[in-house]
Amino acid sequence: MKIQLIITHPGSAHFDEVAAISLILARHTDMVFRIERREPAQAELDNSNAWVVDIGDRHEPEKRNFDHHQDKNCPASFVLVAGYLGLLETMSVMPWWHFKDSVDRIGPGKSSIKYHAGDDLVNRNPVETWLMDSFASEPESSLPLLKAFGAHIIEDACMLKNQIDFWKNSSRLVIAGVPAMIGQTRESAGLEEFRRIEENPPDIVISLDRRDMGWRLFRFEGTPVDFSLISDHPEIAFAHKSGFMAKTKERLAIDDLIALVSKAVTGY
């Protein structure tokens, strides 16, 4: 089995290089890696058999050099590594992806303002802190954990990317003047991410009830729809008092479903 060297910077560990190394480990299950936290030698920067991550002042994928500190416009190292591994399109759908890239480049305070995240407390995660500290103090023994972490976030991203693609291809319609979407699925994952990147996102989403045989009716916040208004209709099994969601007893025909949902539209 091949053994390869990964070099990253000494001192405190950060999400940037830990995420980058996790992706490398998860995508190369047939290799054994040795990791050293130090400055790279010139020969190592020129040697494509050594991975140099978040240090070295070079972004040279052909030589496996993945640093970004030499250029303020260069993405964080985990983004560079994802691109090299062919994972960028998939991984970049993750809701934390661009925020974490920004945190590494301009800091948590400015990033919280940029992404309307409120206080930079959003970046202070005790599990992440523990993982960074573990890697900093015992990098070699942390590699199995990082490999598992890399596999986990890749799997999550693939699932989310598939869900977003599903919603992109779902049926679109307008119900009483409100843009809506129908998806033949019991899974709601990916809706928030899809709506965030969609130019004309739906305000109402109709999908299959996860538990029973009816439809699930859902509206996003700020939408002129109140599903509690149809709670007394015989077709309704449940309607949340706050009006954001309702469920039908059975799988109504689409025309009947549209007529029912239109009764919950309150107007703009």
Protein backbone atom coordinates (compact mmCIF):
# COMPACT_ATOMS: atom_id res chain seq x y z
CA MET A 1 0.00 0.00 0.00
CA LYS A 2 1.32 3.43 -0.95
CA ILE A 3 2.46 5.85 1.74
CA GLN A 4 2.23 9.58 1.11
CA LEU A 5 3.26 12.61 3.12
CA ILE A 6 0.98 15.52 4.02
CA ILE A 7 2.63 18.68 5.31
CA THR A 8 0.65 21.44 6.97
CA HIS A 9 1.52 24.38 9.18
CA PRO A 10 2.60 24.10 12.83
CA GLY A 11 0.96 25.92 15.74
CA SER A 12 -2.81 26.18 16.15
CA ALA A 13 -4.94 24.04 13.87
CA HIS A 14 -7.89 25.49 11.98
CA PHE A 15 -10.96 24.20 10.18
CA ASP A 16 -9.37 25.09 6.83
CA GLU A 17 -6.48 22.62 6.78
CA VAL A 18 -8.29 19.99 8.85
CA ALA A 19 -11.20 19.92 6.37
CA ALA A 20 -8.77 19.84 3.44
CA ILE A 21 -6.82 16.92 4.92
CA SER A 22 -10.08 15.11 5.77
CA LEU A 23 -11.15 15.28 2.12
CA ILE A 24 -7.76 13.98 0.96
CA LEU A 25 -7.92 11.03 3.36
CA ALA A 26 -11.51 10.16 2.47
CA ARG A 27 -10.81 10.17 -1.28
CA HIS A 28 -7.66 8.03 -1.08
CA THR A 29 -8.70 4.96 0.86
CA ASP A 30 -6.02 2.87 -0.84
CA MET A 31 -3.19 4.97 0.61
CA VAL A 32 -1.53 5.31 3.99
CA PHE A 33 -0.70 8.88 4.93
CA ARG A 34 1.94 10.31 7.21
CA ILE A 35 1.41 13.85 8.42
CA GLU A 36 3.93 16.43 9.59
CA ARG A 37 3.11 19.89 10.92
CA ARG A 38 6.06 22.06 9.90
CA GLU A 39 7.41 24.32 7.17
CA PRO A 40 7.91 22.49 3.85
CA ALA A 41 11.32 22.25 2.23
CA GLN A 42 11.80 23.56 -1.31
CA ALA A 43 12.23 20.01 -2.59
CA GLU A 44 8.89 19.04 -1.04
CA LEU A 45 7.11 21.94 -2.73
CA ASP A 46 8.47 20.68 -6.05
CA ASN A 47 7.61 17.04 -5.32
CA SER A 48 4.12 16.02 -6.43
CA ASN A 49 4.24 12.99 -4.14
CA ALA A 50 3.97 15.27 -1.10
CA TRP A 51 0.78 17.16 -0.29
CA VAL A 52 1.47 20.65 1.08
CA VAL A 53 -1.70 22.09 2.60
CA ASP A 54 -2.34 25.63 3.89
CA ILE A 55 1.33 26.53 3.91
CA GLY A 56 4.09 27.17 1.36
CA ASP A 57 2.67 30.27 -0.40
CA ARG A 58 1.81 28.28 -3.53
CA HIS A 59 -1.31 27.07 -5.24
CA GLU A 60 0.00 24.52 -7.72
CA PRO A 61 -2.44 21.62 -7.96
CA GLU A 62 -0.19 19.72 -10.36
CA LYS A 63 2.42 19.64 -7.56
CA ARG A 64 -0.20 19.17 -4.83
CA ASN A 65 0.52 22.53 -3.26
CA PHE A 66 -2.64 24.02 -1.77
CA ASP A 67 -1.97 27.31 -0.02
CA HIS A 68 -3.95 30.54 -0.36
CA HIS A 69 -2.12 33.00 1.89
CA GLN A 70 -0.16 34.43 -1.04
CA ASP A 71 -3.35 35.80 -2.67
CA LYS A 72 -6.25 37.40 -0.78
CA ASN A 73 -8.61 36.45 -3.60
CA CYS A 74 -7.66 32.78 -3.45
CA PRO A 75 -10.21 30.50 -1.71
CA ALA A 76 -9.35 28.70 1.50
CA SER A 77 -7.27 25.54 1.26
CA PHE A 78 -10.18 23.14 1.74
CA VAL A 79 -11.88 24.75 -1.27
CA LEU A 80 -8.69 24.38 -3.35
CA VAL A 81 -8.35 20.72 -2.36
CA ALA A 82 -12.03 20.04 -3.12
CA GLY A 83 -11.52 21.48 -6.60
CA TYR A 84 -8.50 19.27 -7.20
CA LEU A 85 -10.40 16.18 -6.03
CA GLY A 86 -13.38 16.91 -8.29
CA LEU A 87 -15.63 17.61 -5.31
CA LEU A 88 -16.15 21.36 -5.57
CA GLU A 89 -19.55 21.38 -7.29
CA THR A 90 -20.89 18.82 -4.84
CA MET A 91 -19.36 20.18 -1.65
CA SER A 92 -20.20 23.82 -2.33
CA VAL A 93 -23.93 23.17 -1.82
CA MET A 94 -23.33 22.63 1.88
CA PRO A 95 -24.78 25.56 3.86
CA TRP A 96 -21.56 26.06 5.82
CA TRP A 97 -19.18 25.90 2.83
CA HIS A 98 -18.94 29.54 1.75
CA PHE A 99 -19.17 30.82 5.31
CA LYS A 100 -16.22 28.71 6.43
CA ASP A 101 -14.24 29.81 3.39
CA SER A 102 -14.91 33.42 4.33
CA VAL A 103 -14.04 32.84 8.00
CA ASP A 104 -10.62 31.55 7.07
CA ARG A 105 -9.90 34.45 4.73
CA ILE A 106 -11.41 37.51 6.45
CA GLY A 107 -12.21 36.27 9.96
CA PRO A 108 -15.39 35.26 11.84
CA GLY A 109 -16.49 38.81 12.72
CA LYS A 110 -16.51 40.17 9.18
CA SER A 111 -17.89 36.89 7.87
CA SER A 112 -20.82 37.01 10.31
CA ILE A 113 -21.67 40.47 8.99
CA LYS A 114 -21.23 39.41 5.37
CA TYR A 115 -23.52 36.38 5.76
CA HIS A 116 -25.98 38.05 8.15
CA ALA A 117 -25.14 35.46 10.78
CA GLY A 118 -25.43 37.88 13.69
CA ASP A 119 -22.61 37.51 16.18
CA ASP A 120 -19.39 35.62 15.45
CA LEU A 121 -20.51 33.21 18.19
CA VAL A 122 -21.99 31.22 15.30
CA ASN A 123 -18.43 30.14 14.51
CA ARG A 124 -17.61 28.92 18.02
CA ASN A 125 -18.44 25.23 17.97
CA PRO A 126 -17.13 23.11 20.88
CA VAL A 127 -16.99 19.92 18.78
CA GLU A 128 -14.99 21.71 16.09
CA THR A 129 -12.67 23.21 18.72
CA TRP A 130 -12.07 19.75 20.18
CA LEU A 131 -11.29 18.30 16.74
CA MET A 132 -8.85 21.12 15.92
CA ASP A 133 -7.11 20.76 19.29
CA SER A 134 -6.87 16.98 18.90
CA PHE A 135 -5.29 17.35 15.48
CA ALA A 136 -2.87 20.01 16.70
CA SER A 137 -1.64 17.93 19.64
CA GLU A 138 -1.70 14.44 18.08
CA PRO A 139 -1.91 14.74 14.28
CA GLU A 140 -0.99 11.14 13.45
CA SER A 141 -3.49 9.56 15.83
CA SER A 142 -6.19 11.96 14.59
CA LEU A 143 -6.01 10.72 10.99
CA PRO A 144 -8.65 7.94 11.32
CA LEU A 145 -11.07 10.45 12.81
CA LEU A 146 -10.34 12.98 10.06
CA LYS A 147 -10.81 10.30 7.42
CA ALA A 148 -14.22 9.43 8.88
CA PHE A 149 -15.12 13.12 9.04
CA GLY A 150 -14.17 13.58 5.40
CA ALA A 151 -16.26 10.60 4.33
CA HIS A 152 -19.18 11.94 6.35
CA ILE A 153 -19.21 15.43 4.85
CA ILE A 154 -18.77 14.05 1.32
CA GLU A 155 -21.71 11.69 1.83
CA ASP A 156 -23.83 14.53 3.27
CA ALA A 157 -22.94 16.80 0.36
CA CYS A 158 -23.80 14.13 -2.23
CA MET A 159 -27.18 13.57 -0.59
CA LEU A 160 -27.89 17.30 -0.43
CA LYS A 161 -26.76 17.85 -4.03
CA ASN A 162 -29.10 15.07 -5.20
CA GLN A 163 -31.98 16.61 -3.27
CA ILE A 164 -31.33 20.08 -4.68
CA ASP A 165 -31.24 18.61 -8.19
CA PHE A 166 -34.52 16.84 -7.45
CA TRP A 167 -36.21 20.09 -6.41
CA LYS A 168 -34.81 21.86 -9.47
CA ASN A 169 -36.64 19.33 -11.66
CA SER A 170 -39.90 19.29 -9.70
CA SER A 171 -43.16 20.60 -11.15
CA ARG A 172 -43.69 24.34 -10.82
CA LEU A 173 -47.06 26.08 -10.76
CA VAL A 174 -48.84 29.15 -9.40
CA ILE A 175 -51.65 28.77 -6.87
CA ALA A 176 -53.87 31.82 -6.38
CA GLY A 177 -50.98 34.05 -7.42
CA VAL A 178 -48.40 32.34 -5.19
CA PRO A 179 -45.48 30.41 -6.78
CA ALA A 180 -45.55 26.77 -5.75
CA MET A 181 -43.80 23.48 -6.38
CA ILE A 182 -44.86 19.83 -6.21
CA GLY A 183 -42.32 17.09 -5.48
CA GLN A 184 -43.18 13.39 -5.43
CA THR A 185 -40.98 12.67 -2.42
CA ARG A 186 -41.28 12.14 1.31
CA GLU A 187 -37.91 13.83 1.86
CA SER A 188 -37.75 17.57 2.61
CA ALA A 189 -33.96 17.86 2.73
CA GLY A 190 -32.43 20.41 0.40
CA LEU A 191 -35.43 22.73 0.30
CA GLU A 192 -33.79 25.62 2.14
CA GLU A 193 -30.61 25.33 0.09
CA PHE A 194 -32.55 25.05 -3.17
CA ARG A 195 -34.63 28.10 -2.33
CA ARG A 196 -31.53 30.08 -1.40
CA ILE A 197 -29.88 29.57 -4.80
CA GLU A 198 -33.02 29.66 -6.95
CA GLU A 199 -33.65 32.91 -8.83
CA ASN A 200 -37.45 32.59 -8.53
CA PRO A 201 -38.01 30.30 -5.53
CA PRO A 202 -41.41 28.85 -4.67
CA ASP A 203 -43.33 30.05 -1.62
CA ILE A 204 -45.37 26.86 -1.29
CA VAL A 205 -43.96 23.33 -1.43
CA ILE A 206 -46.23 20.31 -1.76
CA SER A 207 -44.69 16.89 -1.16
CA LEU A 208 -45.65 13.45 0.11
CA ASP A 209 -46.44 13.05 3.79
CA ARG A 210 -43.52 11.26 5.41
CA ARG A 211 -45.70 9.22 7.80
CA ASP A 212 -49.06 8.72 6.14
CA MET A 213 -50.63 8.50 2.69
CA GLY A 214 -51.57 12.13 2.10
CA TRP A 215 -49.84 15.29 0.93
CA ARG A 216 -47.66 17.59 3.04
CA LEU A 217 -48.40 21.29 2.45
CA PHE A 218 -45.68 23.72 3.48
CA ARG A 219 -45.13 27.46 3.13
CA PHE A 220 -42.02 29.53 3.81
CA GLU A 221 -41.91 32.39 6.29
CA GLY A 222 -43.22 35.68 4.95
CA THR A 223 -45.48 33.96 2.44
CA PRO A 224 -49.17 35.05 2.23
CA VAL A 225 -50.41 31.57 3.11
CA ASP A 226 -52.02 30.33 6.32
CA PHE A 227 -52.82 26.63 6.30
CA SER A 228 -54.67 26.91 9.60
CA LEU A 229 -57.47 28.48 7.54
CA ILE A 230 -58.25 25.10 5.99
CA SER A 231 -57.96 23.07 9.20
CA ASP A 232 -61.71 22.34 9.28
CA HIS A 233 -61.88 21.01 5.73
CA PRO A 234 -62.69 17.28 5.63
CA GLU A 235 -59.64 16.56 3.45
CA ILE A 236 -57.23 17.87 6.11
CA ALA A 237 -55.74 15.45 8.63
CA PHE A 238 -53.69 18.10 10.46
CA ALA A 239 -52.96 21.81 10.18
CA HIS A 240 -50.43 23.55 12.39
CA LYS A 241 -51.90 26.40 14.44
CA SER A 242 -49.19 28.78 13.20
CA GLY A 243 -50.27 28.08 9.63
CA PHE A 244 -46.93 27.03 8.14
CA MET A 245 -47.86 23.41 7.45
CA ALA A 246 -50.78 21.06 6.90
CA LYS A 247 -51.35 17.44 5.85
CA THR A 248 -54.12 15.85 3.86
CA LYS A 249 -55.73 12.54 4.78
CA GLU A 250 -55.32 11.07 1.32
CA ARG A 251 -53.41 11.64 -1.91
CA LEU A 252 -55.84 14.08 -3.53
CA ALA A 253 -55.90 14.59 -7.28
CA ILE A 254 -53.77 17.56 -8.32
CA ASP A 255 -56.71 19.74 -9.36
CA ASP A 256 -58.47 19.10 -6.04
CA LEU A 257 -55.22 19.74 -4.18
CA ILE A 258 -54.69 23.09 -5.91
CA ALA A 259 -58.25 24.14 -5.12
CA LEU A 260 -57.72 23.24 -1.45
CA VAL A 261 -54.38 25.05 -1.14
CA SER A 262 -55.81 28.18 -2.81
CA LYS A 263 -58.22 28.52 0.12
CA ALA A 264 -55.22 29.04 2.41
CA VAL A 265 -53.84 31.98 0.41
CA THR A 266 -54.44 35.19 2.31
CA GLY A 267 -53.27 37.61 -0.43
CA TYR A 268 -50.24 39.90 -0.66
